[in-house]
Every structure is written in structure tokens, then in C-alpha cells.
Amino acid sequence: MKNELKTLIGTIPSENGFKKRMRFHQGWWRAFVLAEKQGDYPARKGEVICNTISNGQISRKNFLSEKIFEAVEQTIQERKVAKSGILEETRLFNNLLSSQPLCFNFFGELKTDIDLALQILQKFWPNLTKVKRIAFEFSPVENYTGDNSAFDVAFEVMAGNLSGLVGLECKYTDSFSSTEYDKEVYRHIFSQSKEKLFSAEYHEFKLARFNQLFRNQLMAEALVQNCQYNFVYTGLFCHQDDKSALQTGTEFQQMLNNGDKIFKIITYQEFIEKTQQLEISWEQRELSMMLWARYCGIQLSEQAFE
């Protein structure tokens, strides 16, 4: 019986640990929740893999609600106009294991419900008083860092009379960039905020394991230095069982002055728990349960996995 189930779940490459377990769960979701055949293997032409579907742009099945899909379509148009932020549409619509559709599934409905967005953000940053708008793959019009850095999701906010931004890096099973980037403009932005923000030395921040979070932080600092906002908070949004991401995020946080206030590590579990503590509608509560089932409820696929 289990062999039959695994056949339906589909092809799983040779890998271990957290990524293997999450890939299997998305294969289970594809087969038994979405009732879709497995799609193309992005890394191997002509092969299939359990965590992808086909024609996701038509079926919309990689997203948990119609409002989320509308946020996706709106973002695609916004990015075309802005000519910034990278959205890989095949990955977005067809890859269940990708962090891009995950980001939209968690935050997409908030794009048109800024009151709920504020209530959730206040659970992490209590001083916030207003959410003005939400953008995905957000990068400044002025490319202060001279690269492709972008927040996966960003909230334009107010704290009293102060204008600000909350920018998050979203991770699922994808690792941080393994490349060490270094530019003169990075050093300049760093030097301007060294005494206020950075408690470690430049050479530590530019190490490959921290480089992606560091470049996001530099983008945040450049926005403040150039008076675009009075403050920018940053953060890492990841799975509560992703030990590697949590360790990297924690070490990066400790390299910042008052790191626990300006750089938050938010897990899927914390997001769902704090959302469910609010006075929300049944539809919103139902979505939070669907988020749990898809991204956290691995006990649902445990029998097949074993």
C-alpha cells in the first residue's frame, strides 16, 4: 500500500534532512490535495519531479485563495512597470517547493487587508500604527546598492509620525546565496551606519553565509540614509524546523546593535499562532489552517513518508 502511495507522490531525488521531508510533503500535497500529476524537473530536462505541477498559471493551484492569485497578477504587472525585482513565473506558478509562491500564500491576502496586516505586524513590532501598502519583490526606484537586492515582501508603515518600511526575506528549503559579493558602494553604506547599527566588522558581514541578509540590510540603511524613510526594519521569515536558516538568522541578528528590535526572525509557526490569536473572520482562520496544513502539517503525510 505504501509503495502505491509513494508512486502517486512521485519522483524524489536523492537528498536528506529537512529539504527531503518538505519536498515529500509538497509531493503529497500535489497528489492528494491538488489531484495533479507531477510536473517538469527544473534541473533535469525531460524528467519529472514530485513537487511541481504543469499549467499552474491556468489552474492557479499553487495558491491557496483567489485573492492571493490576484496579488500575484498585480505584482507581475507592478514589477514590469518598475523593471526591478525578479519573479520567475514558471517557478512561481508551478513549483510547490519554491519560496516565491510561499511568500504570496502567507502575505498575499494582506495586500488588500491592511488592517489585518497591521494587527499581525504589531505582534512583532508593537510601535507600528499604520500599514500604508504592501509590495512583493520590493526594491527602491533608486538602486542604491547597485545590485538585484529586493525584499521578498515589504510593508510601508507608520510609527506615529515616522514613516518606515518592514522588509522580509522569505525562505523555505532554498539556501542563502553561496556567493560572496563585495562592492565599493556596500562599503560606503556600511561606513555611514557602522557606529549606529553594525557591531561586527565589514569582512564578517560579507561572508557568503551572511551576504544575502547583509545586502538586504544595506538596502535598508541606504533608504534611511537617503531620507526615503525614517526607519526600516528587516527580518527573516522561515520554517520553524529549518535549523540552518534559523542559525544564520540568529548569528546575523547578533552582529547588529539592538538586533532583536530591528531584525526579527519570524517562523511560520509564530505567524500562524499570532494570526489565530486575533479576532479574524472564519475565512481568514480557514486560510491560516490551510497554511498550517501545507507548510507545517507534515504529520498529514507522515504515514506515507515512513
C-alpha atoms as a PDB file:
ATOM      1  CA  MET A   1       0.000   0.000   0.000  1.00  0.00           C
ATOM      2  CA  LYS A   2       2.752   2.472   0.923  1.00  0.00           C
ATOM      3  CA  ASN A   3       4.608   1.722  -2.299  1.00  0.00           C
ATOM      4  CA  GLU A   4       1.433   2.589  -4.202  1.00  0.00           C
ATOM      5  CA  LEU A   5       1.156   5.856  -2.268  1.00  0.00           C
ATOM      6  CA  LYS A   6       4.778   6.732  -2.989  1.00  0.00           C
ATOM      7  CA  THR A   7       4.219   6.040  -6.663  1.00  0.00           C
ATOM      8  CA  LEU A   8       1.380   8.563  -6.648  1.00  0.00           C
ATOM      9  CA  ILE A   9       3.513  11.077  -4.751  1.00  0.00           C
ATOM     10  CA  GLY A  10       6.134  10.789  -7.462  1.00  0.00           C
ATOM     11  CA  THR A  11       9.828  11.243  -8.052  1.00  0.00           C
ATOM     12  CA  ILE A  12      12.044  12.314  -5.163  1.00  0.00           C
ATOM     13  CA  PRO A  13      15.761  12.994  -5.826  1.00  0.00           C
ATOM     14  CA  SER A  14      18.494  11.703  -3.562  1.00  0.00           C
ATOM     15  CA  GLU A  15      18.744  14.161  -0.658  1.00  0.00           C
ATOM     16  CA  ASN A  16      18.499  14.224   3.108  1.00  0.00           C
ATOM     17  CA  GLY A  17      17.036  16.015   6.079  1.00  0.00           C
ATOM     18  CA  PHE A  18      14.703  18.985   6.086  1.00  0.00           C
ATOM     19  CA  LYS A  19      14.610  19.506   2.302  1.00  0.00           C
ATOM     20  CA  LYS A  20      13.775  15.865   1.607  1.00  0.00           C
ATOM     21  CA  ARG A  21      10.938  15.919   4.141  1.00  0.00           C
ATOM     22  CA  MET A  22       9.480  19.171   2.789  1.00  0.00           C
ATOM     23  CA  ARG A  23       9.750  18.002  -0.824  1.00  0.00           C
ATOM     24  CA  PHE A  24       7.915  14.802   0.059  1.00  0.00           C
ATOM     25  CA  HIS A  25       5.175  16.784   1.822  1.00  0.00           C
ATOM     26  CA  GLN A  26       4.690  19.021  -1.215  1.00  0.00           C
ATOM     27  CA  GLY A  27       4.567  15.911  -3.390  1.00  0.00           C
ATOM     28  CA  TRP A  28       1.883  14.545  -1.081  1.00  0.00           C
ATOM     29  CA  TRP A  29       0.015  17.872  -1.284  1.00  0.00           C
ATOM     30  CA  ARG A  30       0.212  17.839  -5.068  1.00  0.00           C
ATOM     31  CA  ALA A  31      -1.062  14.273  -5.359  1.00  0.00           C
ATOM     32  CA  PHE A  32      -3.737  14.092  -2.654  1.00  0.00           C
ATOM     33  CA  VAL A  33      -4.881  17.691  -2.175  1.00  0.00           C
ATOM     34  CA  LEU A  34      -4.419  19.222  -5.633  1.00  0.00           C
ATOM     35  CA  ALA A  35      -5.011  15.931  -7.512  1.00  0.00           C
ATOM     36  CA  GLU A  36      -2.375  16.901 -10.069  1.00  0.00           C
ATOM     37  CA  LYS A  37       0.252  14.853 -11.883  1.00  0.00           C
ATOM     38  CA  GLN A  38       3.874  15.703 -11.187  1.00  0.00           C
ATOM     39  CA  GLY A  39       5.416  18.285 -13.472  1.00  0.00           C
ATOM     40  CA  ASP A  40       8.786  19.064 -15.018  1.00  0.00           C
ATOM     41  CA  TYR A  41      12.031  18.761 -13.069  1.00  0.00           C
ATOM     42  CA  PRO A  42      13.592  22.245 -13.416  1.00  0.00           C
ATOM     43  CA  ALA A  43      17.150  20.932 -13.074  1.00  0.00           C
ATOM     44  CA  ARG A  44      16.836  17.964 -15.442  1.00  0.00           C
ATOM     45  CA  LYS A  45      15.280  18.494 -18.833  1.00  0.00           C
ATOM     46  CA  GLY A  46      12.836  15.760 -19.836  1.00  0.00           C
ATOM     47  CA  GLU A  47      12.368  14.449 -16.277  1.00  0.00           C
ATOM     48  CA  VAL A  48       9.558  14.959 -13.763  1.00  0.00           C
ATOM     49  CA  ILE A  49       9.626  15.623 -10.013  1.00  0.00           C
ATOM     50  CA  CYS A  50       7.061  15.332  -7.236  1.00  0.00           C
ATOM     51  CA  ASN A  51       6.911  18.973  -6.147  1.00  0.00           C
ATOM     52  CA  THR A  52       5.938  20.598  -9.455  1.00  0.00           C
ATOM     53  CA  ILE A  53       2.743  20.858 -11.455  1.00  0.00           C
ATOM     54  CA  SER A  54       2.011  21.852 -15.048  1.00  0.00           C
ATOM     55  CA  ASN A  55      -0.094  24.778 -16.273  1.00  0.00           C
ATOM     56  CA  GLY A  56      -0.214  26.394 -12.838  1.00  0.00           C
ATOM     57  CA  GLN A  57      -0.866  29.804 -14.371  1.00  0.00           C
ATOM     58  CA  ILE A  58      -4.176  28.449 -15.675  1.00  0.00           C
ATOM     59  CA  SER A  59      -5.147  26.172 -12.774  1.00  0.00           C
ATOM     60  CA  ARG A  60      -3.906  28.630 -10.074  1.00  0.00           C
ATOM     61  CA  LYS A  61      -3.399  25.615  -7.802  1.00  0.00           C
ATOM     62  CA  ASN A  62      -0.101  26.755  -6.301  1.00  0.00           C
ATOM     63  CA  PHE A  63      -2.011  29.449  -4.392  1.00  0.00           C
ATOM     64  CA  LEU A  64      -4.414  28.999  -1.510  1.00  0.00           C
ATOM     65  CA  SER A  65      -7.066  31.558  -2.489  1.00  0.00           C
ATOM     66  CA  GLU A  66      -8.321  33.690  -5.351  1.00  0.00           C
ATOM     67  CA  LYS A  67      -7.222  36.885  -3.575  1.00  0.00           C
ATOM     68  CA  ILE A  68      -3.687  35.526  -3.337  1.00  0.00           C
ATOM     69  CA  PHE A  69      -3.654  34.813  -7.054  1.00  0.00           C
ATOM     70  CA  GLU A  70      -4.884  38.379  -7.694  1.00  0.00           C
ATOM     71  CA  ALA A  71      -1.951  39.669  -5.623  1.00  0.00           C
ATOM     72  CA  VAL A  72       0.374  37.588  -7.803  1.00  0.00           C
ATOM     73  CA  GLU A  73      -1.043  39.012 -11.040  1.00  0.00           C
ATOM     74  CA  GLN A  74      -0.932  42.562  -9.702  1.00  0.00           C
ATOM     75  CA  THR A  75       2.693  42.121  -8.600  1.00  0.00           C
ATOM     76  CA  ILE A  76       3.718  40.810 -12.022  1.00  0.00           C
ATOM     77  CA  GLN A  77       2.323  43.970 -13.602  1.00  0.00           C
ATOM     78  CA  GLU A  78       3.939  46.205 -10.954  1.00  0.00           C
ATOM     79  CA  ARG A  79       7.352  44.609 -11.485  1.00  0.00           C
ATOM     80  CA  LYS A  80       7.084  45.055 -15.253  1.00  0.00           C
ATOM     81  CA  VAL A  81       6.469  48.774 -14.775  1.00  0.00           C
ATOM     82  CA  ALA A  82       9.159  49.179 -12.114  1.00  0.00           C
ATOM     83  CA  LYS A  83      11.617  46.952 -14.020  1.00  0.00           C
ATOM     84  CA  SER A  84      13.000  45.697 -10.701  1.00  0.00           C
ATOM     85  CA  GLY A  85      12.543  42.643  -8.529  1.00  0.00           C
ATOM     86  CA  ILE A  86      12.863  39.173 -10.007  1.00  0.00           C
ATOM     87  CA  LEU A  87       9.774  36.982 -10.445  1.00  0.00           C
ATOM     88  CA  GLU A  88      10.455  33.638 -12.140  1.00  0.00           C
ATOM     89  CA  GLU A  89       6.972  32.864 -13.402  1.00  0.00           C
ATOM     90  CA  THR A  90       7.474  29.145 -14.074  1.00  0.00           C
ATOM     91  CA  ARG A  91       8.791  28.696 -10.555  1.00  0.00           C
ATOM     92  CA  LEU A  92       6.063  30.919  -9.137  1.00  0.00           C
ATOM     93  CA  PHE A  93       3.138  29.107 -10.734  1.00  0.00           C
ATOM     94  CA  ASN A  94       4.405  25.519 -10.889  1.00  0.00           C
ATOM     95  CA  ASN A  95       6.952  24.825  -8.125  1.00  0.00           C
ATOM     96  CA  LEU A  96       5.281  23.931  -4.821  1.00  0.00           C
ATOM     97  CA  LEU A  97       8.631  23.880  -3.007  1.00  0.00           C
ATOM     98  CA  SER A  98       9.583  27.411  -4.004  1.00  0.00           C
ATOM     99  CA  SER A  99       9.714  30.285  -1.524  1.00  0.00           C
ATOM    100  CA  GLN A 100       8.096  32.663  -4.051  1.00  0.00           C
ATOM    101  CA  PRO A 101       4.584  31.125  -4.006  1.00  0.00           C
ATOM    102  CA  LEU A 102       5.034  30.550  -0.252  1.00  0.00           C
ATOM    103  CA  CYS A 103       5.567  34.283   0.247  1.00  0.00           C
ATOM    104  CA  PHE A 104       2.358  35.074  -1.626  1.00  0.00           C
ATOM    105  CA  ASN A 105       0.405  32.375   0.213  1.00  0.00           C
ATOM    106  CA  PHE A 106       1.345  33.826   3.608  1.00  0.00           C
ATOM    107  CA  PHE A 107       1.161  37.525   2.763  1.00  0.00           C
ATOM    108  CA  GLY A 108      -0.875  37.863  -0.454  1.00  0.00           C
ATOM    109  CA  GLU A 109      -4.291  38.412   1.113  1.00  0.00           C
ATOM    110  CA  LEU A 110      -2.841  41.136   3.336  1.00  0.00           C
ATOM    111  CA  LYS A 111      -2.212  43.251   0.227  1.00  0.00           C
ATOM    112  CA  THR A 112      -5.911  44.201   0.253  1.00  0.00           C
ATOM    113  CA  ASP A 113      -6.443  43.861   4.008  1.00  0.00           C
ATOM    114  CA  ILE A 114      -4.003  46.344   5.510  1.00  0.00           C
ATOM    115  CA  ASP A 115      -5.921  46.454   8.804  1.00  0.00           C
ATOM    116  CA  LEU A 116      -5.188  42.767   9.387  1.00  0.00           C
ATOM    117  CA  ALA A 117      -1.628  43.303   8.154  1.00  0.00           C
ATOM    118  CA  LEU A 118      -1.143  45.957  10.840  1.00  0.00           C
ATOM    119  CA  GLN A 119      -2.537  43.712  13.585  1.00  0.00           C
ATOM    120  CA  ILE A 120      -0.146  40.926  12.619  1.00  0.00           C
ATOM    121  CA  LEU A 121       2.897  43.204  12.319  1.00  0.00           C
ATOM    122  CA  GLN A 122       2.107  44.729  15.714  1.00  0.00           C
ATOM    123  CA  LYS A 123       2.624  41.286  17.243  1.00  0.00           C
ATOM    124  CA  PHE A 124       6.294  41.656  16.264  1.00  0.00           C
ATOM    125  CA  TRP A 125       6.744  45.451  16.171  1.00  0.00           C
ATOM    126  CA  PRO A 126       4.217  46.898  18.680  1.00  0.00           C
ATOM    127  CA  ASN A 127       5.188  50.512  17.905  1.00  0.00           C
ATOM    128  CA  LEU A 128       3.705  50.422  14.394  1.00  0.00           C
ATOM    129  CA  THR A 129       0.484  52.399  13.957  1.00  0.00           C
ATOM    130  CA  LYS A 130      -0.400  52.044  10.270  1.00  0.00           C
ATOM    131  CA  VAL A 131       0.252  49.941   7.171  1.00  0.00           C
ATOM    132  CA  LYS A 132       0.072  52.030   4.004  1.00  0.00           C
ATOM    133  CA  ARG A 133       0.754  49.412   1.339  1.00  0.00           C
ATOM    134  CA  ILE A 134       2.326  46.022   0.714  1.00  0.00           C
ATOM    135  CA  ALA A 135       4.666  45.139  -2.157  1.00  0.00           C
ATOM    136  CA  PHE A 136       6.342  41.917  -3.239  1.00  0.00           C
ATOM    137  CA  GLU A 137       9.875  41.720  -4.668  1.00  0.00           C
ATOM    138  CA  PHE A 138      10.344  45.269  -3.427  1.00  0.00           C
ATOM    139  CA  SER A 139      13.410  47.272  -4.343  1.00  0.00           C
ATOM    140  CA  PRO A 140      13.868  51.064  -4.318  1.00  0.00           C
ATOM    141  CA  VAL A 141      13.335  53.069  -7.505  1.00  0.00           C
ATOM    142  CA  GLU A 142      16.857  54.373  -6.915  1.00  0.00           C
ATOM    143  CA  ASN A 143      19.140  51.314  -6.871  1.00  0.00           C
ATOM    144  CA  TYR A 144      21.347  52.446  -4.001  1.00  0.00           C
ATOM    145  CA  THR A 145      23.250  49.134  -3.736  1.00  0.00           C
ATOM    146  CA  GLY A 146      23.783  48.701  -7.478  1.00  0.00           C
ATOM    147  CA  ASP A 147      22.600  45.078  -7.481  1.00  0.00           C
ATOM    148  CA  ASN A 148      19.451  42.938  -7.675  1.00  0.00           C
ATOM    149  CA  SER A 149      18.696  43.034  -3.944  1.00  0.00           C
ATOM    150  CA  ALA A 150      14.986  43.048  -3.114  1.00  0.00           C
ATOM    151  CA  PHE A 151      12.796  42.265  -0.126  1.00  0.00           C
ATOM    152  CA  ASP A 152      10.536  39.305  -0.868  1.00  0.00           C
ATOM    153  CA  VAL A 153       7.728  41.227   0.805  1.00  0.00           C
ATOM    154  CA  ALA A 154       7.766  44.795   2.134  1.00  0.00           C
ATOM    155  CA  PHE A 155       5.253  46.781   4.173  1.00  0.00           C
ATOM    156  CA  GLU A 156       5.213  50.565   4.015  1.00  0.00           C
ATOM    157  CA  VAL A 157       4.274  51.579   7.562  1.00  0.00           C
ATOM    158  CA  MET A 158       3.953  54.409  10.037  1.00  0.00           C
ATOM    159  CA  ALA A 159       5.001  54.591  13.677  1.00  0.00           C
ATOM    160  CA  GLY A 160       3.212  57.698  14.857  1.00  0.00           C
ATOM    161  CA  ASN A 161       4.510  60.494  12.620  1.00  0.00           C
ATOM    162  CA  LEU A 162       7.501  58.477  11.403  1.00  0.00           C
ATOM    163  CA  SER A 163       7.407  56.739   8.032  1.00  0.00           C
ATOM    164  CA  GLY A 164       9.016  53.349   7.717  1.00  0.00           C
ATOM    165  CA  LEU A 165       9.386  50.060   5.921  1.00  0.00           C
ATOM    166  CA  VAL A 166       9.362  46.444   7.086  1.00  0.00           C
ATOM    167  CA  GLY A 167      11.217  44.187   4.637  1.00  0.00           C
ATOM    168  CA  LEU A 168      11.361  40.408   4.935  1.00  0.00           C
ATOM    169  CA  GLU A 169      13.498  37.704   3.354  1.00  0.00           C
ATOM    170  CA  CYS A 170      11.384  34.548   2.916  1.00  0.00           C
ATOM    171  CA  LYS A 171      12.954  31.091   2.929  1.00  0.00           C
ATOM    172  CA  TYR A 172      11.507  27.608   2.523  1.00  0.00           C
ATOM    173  CA  THR A 173      14.054  24.956   1.593  1.00  0.00           C
ATOM    174  CA  ASP A 174      16.228  27.220  -0.550  1.00  0.00           C
ATOM    175  CA  SER A 175      19.568  28.104   0.990  1.00  0.00           C
ATOM    176  CA  PHE A 176      21.139  31.528   1.222  1.00  0.00           C
ATOM    177  CA  SER A 177      23.308  32.613  -1.682  1.00  0.00           C
ATOM    178  CA  SER A 178      26.683  30.845  -1.628  1.00  0.00           C
ATOM    179  CA  THR A 179      28.408  33.729  -3.425  1.00  0.00           C
ATOM    180  CA  GLU A 180      30.373  36.393  -1.587  1.00  0.00           C
ATOM    181  CA  TYR A 181      29.554  39.787  -3.081  1.00  0.00           C
ATOM    182  CA  ASP A 182      31.569  42.899  -2.457  1.00  0.00           C
ATOM    183  CA  LYS A 183      31.198  46.390  -3.922  1.00  0.00           C
ATOM    184  CA  GLU A 184      32.606  49.774  -3.064  1.00  0.00           C
ATOM    185  CA  VAL A 185      29.053  51.072  -2.594  1.00  0.00           C
ATOM    186  CA  TYR A 186      28.478  48.363   0.059  1.00  0.00           C
ATOM    187  CA  ARG A 187      31.499  49.634   1.981  1.00  0.00           C
ATOM    188  CA  HIS A 188      30.275  53.211   1.734  1.00  0.00           C
ATOM    189  CA  ILE A 189      26.767  52.426   3.049  1.00  0.00           C
ATOM    190  CA  PHE A 190      28.295  50.272   5.785  1.00  0.00           C
ATOM    191  CA  SER A 191      30.668  53.007   6.912  1.00  0.00           C
ATOM    192  CA  GLN A 192      27.815  55.535   7.132  1.00  0.00           C
ATOM    193  CA  SER A 193      25.889  53.282   9.556  1.00  0.00           C
ATOM    194  CA  LYS A 194      28.777  51.493  11.307  1.00  0.00           C
ATOM    195  CA  GLU A 195      28.519  53.210  14.690  1.00  0.00           C
ATOM    196  CA  LYS A 196      24.712  53.152  14.811  1.00  0.00           C
ATOM    197  CA  LEU A 197      23.921  49.673  13.517  1.00  0.00           C
ATOM    198  CA  PHE A 198      26.760  47.263  12.767  1.00  0.00           C
ATOM    199  CA  SER A 199      28.561  45.726  15.738  1.00  0.00           C
ATOM    200  CA  ALA A 200      30.760  43.360  13.673  1.00  0.00           C
ATOM    201  CA  GLU A 201      33.370  44.228  11.059  1.00  0.00           C
ATOM    202  CA  TYR A 202      32.701  44.512   7.351  1.00  0.00           C
ATOM    203  CA  HIS A 203      34.657  41.370   6.433  1.00  0.00           C
ATOM    204  CA  GLU A 204      32.388  39.306   8.708  1.00  0.00           C
ATOM    205  CA  PHE A 205      29.174  40.594   7.137  1.00  0.00           C
ATOM    206  CA  LYS A 206      30.312  39.956   3.574  1.00  0.00           C
ATOM    207  CA  LEU A 207      30.955  36.260   4.210  1.00  0.00           C
ATOM    208  CA  ALA A 208      28.858  34.112   1.853  1.00  0.00           C
ATOM    209  CA  ARG A 209      26.574  32.766   4.586  1.00  0.00           C
ATOM    210  CA  PHE A 210      25.535  36.282   5.678  1.00  0.00           C
ATOM    211  CA  ASN A 211      25.861  38.088   2.360  1.00  0.00           C
ATOM    212  CA  GLN A 212      22.214  37.922   1.292  1.00  0.00           C
ATOM    213  CA  LEU A 213      20.908  39.229   4.626  1.00  0.00           C
ATOM    214  CA  PHE A 214      23.702  41.804   4.693  1.00  0.00           C
ATOM    215  CA  ARG A 215      22.827  43.177   1.242  1.00  0.00           C
ATOM    216  CA  ASN A 216      19.182  43.463   2.334  1.00  0.00           C
ATOM    217  CA  GLN A 217      20.343  45.359   5.414  1.00  0.00           C
ATOM    218  CA  LEU A 218      22.486  47.657   3.288  1.00  0.00           C
ATOM    219  CA  MET A 219      19.460  48.359   1.098  1.00  0.00           C
ATOM    220  CA  ALA A 220      17.502  49.190   4.258  1.00  0.00           C
ATOM    221  CA  GLU A 221      20.230  51.503   5.541  1.00  0.00           C
ATOM    222  CA  ALA A 222      20.541  53.264   2.194  1.00  0.00           C
ATOM    223  CA  LEU A 223      16.816  54.028   2.255  1.00  0.00           C
ATOM    224  CA  VAL A 224      17.224  55.731   5.636  1.00  0.00           C
ATOM    225  CA  GLN A 225      20.474  57.478   4.708  1.00  0.00           C
ATOM    226  CA  ASN A 226      18.787  58.930   1.626  1.00  0.00           C
ATOM    227  CA  CYS A 227      15.735  60.058   3.627  1.00  0.00           C
ATOM    228  CA  GLN A 228      13.277  57.751   1.877  1.00  0.00           C
ATOM    229  CA  TYR A 229      12.061  56.518   5.277  1.00  0.00           C
ATOM    230  CA  ASN A 230      12.693  57.431   8.910  1.00  0.00           C
ATOM    231  CA  PHE A 231      13.338  53.782   9.753  1.00  0.00           C
ATOM    232  CA  VAL A 232      13.499  50.352   8.114  1.00  0.00           C
ATOM    233  CA  TYR A 233      13.048  47.088   9.989  1.00  0.00           C
ATOM    234  CA  THR A 234      14.237  43.861   8.382  1.00  0.00           C
ATOM    235  CA  GLY A 235      13.654  40.200   9.077  1.00  0.00           C
ATOM    236  CA  LEU A 236      13.901  36.562   8.114  1.00  0.00           C
ATOM    237  CA  PHE A 237      10.725  34.527   7.579  1.00  0.00           C
ATOM    238  CA  CYS A 238      11.419  30.787   7.662  1.00  0.00           C
ATOM    239  CA  HIS A 239      10.184  27.373   8.768  1.00  0.00           C
ATOM    240  CA  GLN A 240      10.498  26.616  12.473  1.00  0.00           C
ATOM    241  CA  ASP A 241      12.359  23.375  11.659  1.00  0.00           C
ATOM    242  CA  ASP A 242      14.861  24.936   9.257  1.00  0.00           C
ATOM    243  CA  LYS A 243      17.811  24.800  11.647  1.00  0.00           C
ATOM    244  CA  SER A 244      20.302  26.147   9.108  1.00  0.00           C
ATOM    245  CA  ALA A 245      18.264  29.278   8.302  1.00  0.00           C
ATOM    246  CA  LEU A 246      17.488  29.871  11.977  1.00  0.00           C
ATOM    247  CA  GLN A 247      21.163  29.632  12.918  1.00  0.00           C
ATOM    248  CA  THR A 248      22.237  32.003  10.145  1.00  0.00           C
ATOM    249  CA  GLY A 249      19.499  34.464  11.069  1.00  0.00           C
ATOM    250  CA  THR A 250      20.347  34.328  14.770  1.00  0.00           C
ATOM    251  CA  GLU A 251      24.063  34.898  14.174  1.00  0.00           C
ATOM    252  CA  PHE A 252      23.316  37.793  11.825  1.00  0.00           C
ATOM    253  CA  GLN A 253      20.959  39.340  14.386  1.00  0.00           C
ATOM    254  CA  GLN A 254      23.714  39.204  17.000  1.00  0.00           C
ATOM    255  CA  MET A 255      26.019  41.160  14.669  1.00  0.00           C
ATOM    256  CA  LEU A 256      23.670  44.168  14.808  1.00  0.00           C
ATOM    257  CA  ASN A 257      23.219  46.707  17.586  1.00  0.00           C
ATOM    258  CA  ASN A 258      19.770  46.152  19.111  1.00  0.00           C
ATOM    259  CA  GLY A 259      19.437  43.352  16.583  1.00  0.00           C
ATOM    260  CA  ASP A 260      16.411  41.780  18.231  1.00  0.00           C
ATOM    261  CA  LYS A 261      14.456  45.023  17.706  1.00  0.00           C
ATOM    262  CA  ILE A 262      15.387  45.918  14.143  1.00  0.00           C
ATOM    263  CA  PHE A 263      15.912  42.425  12.669  1.00  0.00           C
ATOM    264  CA  LYS A 264      13.255  39.841  13.542  1.00  0.00           C
ATOM    265  CA  ILE A 265      13.294  36.113  12.910  1.00  0.00           C
ATOM    266  CA  ILE A 266       9.692  35.078  12.335  1.00  0.00           C
ATOM    267  CA  THR A 267       8.766  31.427  11.839  1.00  0.00           C
ATOM    268  CA  TYR A 268       5.721  30.097  10.008  1.00  0.00           C
ATOM    269  CA  GLN A 269       4.534  28.710  13.331  1.00  0.00           C
ATOM    270  CA  GLU A 270       4.742  32.108  15.048  1.00  0.00           C
ATOM    271  CA  PHE A 271       2.943  33.812  12.157  1.00  0.00           C
ATOM    272  CA  ILE A 272       0.075  31.293  12.212  1.00  0.00           C
ATOM    273  CA  GLU A 273      -0.195  31.294  16.015  1.00  0.00           C
ATOM    274  CA  LYS A 274      -0.298  35.084  16.270  1.00  0.00           C
ATOM    275  CA  THR A 275      -2.786  35.359  13.411  1.00  0.00           C
ATOM    276  CA  GLN A 276      -5.114  32.868  15.072  1.00  0.00           C
ATOM    277  CA  GLN A 277      -4.965  34.846  18.334  1.00  0.00           C
ATOM    278  CA  LEU A 278      -6.639  37.784  16.577  1.00  0.00           C
ATOM    279  CA  GLU A 279     -10.368  38.408  16.127  1.00  0.00           C
ATOM    280  CA  ILE A 280     -10.473  37.299  12.499  1.00  0.00           C
ATOM    281  CA  SER A 281     -13.213  36.050  10.177  1.00  0.00           C
ATOM    282  CA  TRP A 282     -13.833  32.374   9.541  1.00  0.00           C
ATOM    283  CA  GLU A 283     -12.373  32.749   6.028  1.00  0.00           C
ATOM    284  CA  GLN A 284      -9.166  34.208   7.459  1.00  0.00           C
ATOM    285  CA  ARG A 285      -8.997  31.499  10.106  1.00  0.00           C
ATOM    286  CA  GLU A 286      -9.573  28.864   7.448  1.00  0.00           C
ATOM    287  CA  LEU A 287      -6.669  30.254   5.411  1.00  0.00           C
ATOM    288  CA  SER A 288      -4.391  30.078   8.459  1.00  0.00           C
ATOM    289  CA  MET A 289      -5.329  26.411   8.853  1.00  0.00           C
ATOM    290  CA  MET A 290      -4.585  25.784   5.174  1.00  0.00           C
ATOM    291  CA  LEU A 291      -1.185  27.438   5.640  1.00  0.00           C
ATOM    292  CA  TRP A 292      -0.513  25.112   8.551  1.00  0.00           C
ATOM    293  CA  ALA A 293      -1.576  22.047   6.542  1.00  0.00           C
ATOM    294  CA  ARG A 294       0.515  22.902   3.504  1.00  0.00           C
ATOM    295  CA  TYR A 295       3.696  24.167   5.119  1.00  0.00           C
ATOM    296  CA  CYS A 296       3.777  22.867   8.698  1.00  0.00           C
ATOM    297  CA  GLY A 297       1.445  19.875   9.000  1.00  0.00           C
ATOM    298  CA  ILE A 298       3.914  17.200   7.970  1.00  0.00           C
ATOM    299  CA  GLN A 299       2.129  14.709  10.233  1.00  0.00           C
ATOM    300  CA  LEU A 300      -0.537  14.626   7.499  1.00  0.00           C
ATOM    301  CA  SER A 301       1.945  12.924   5.162  1.00  0.00           C
ATOM    302  CA  GLU A 302       3.893  11.074   7.847  1.00  0.00           C
ATOM    303  CA  GLN A 303       2.409   7.616   7.268  1.00  0.00           C
ATOM    304  CA  ALA A 304       3.260   7.720   3.577  1.00  0.00           C
ATOM    305  CA  PHE A 305       6.741   9.092   4.301  1.00  0.00           C
ATOM    306  CA  GLU A 306       7.634   6.341   6.748  1.00  0.00           C
END
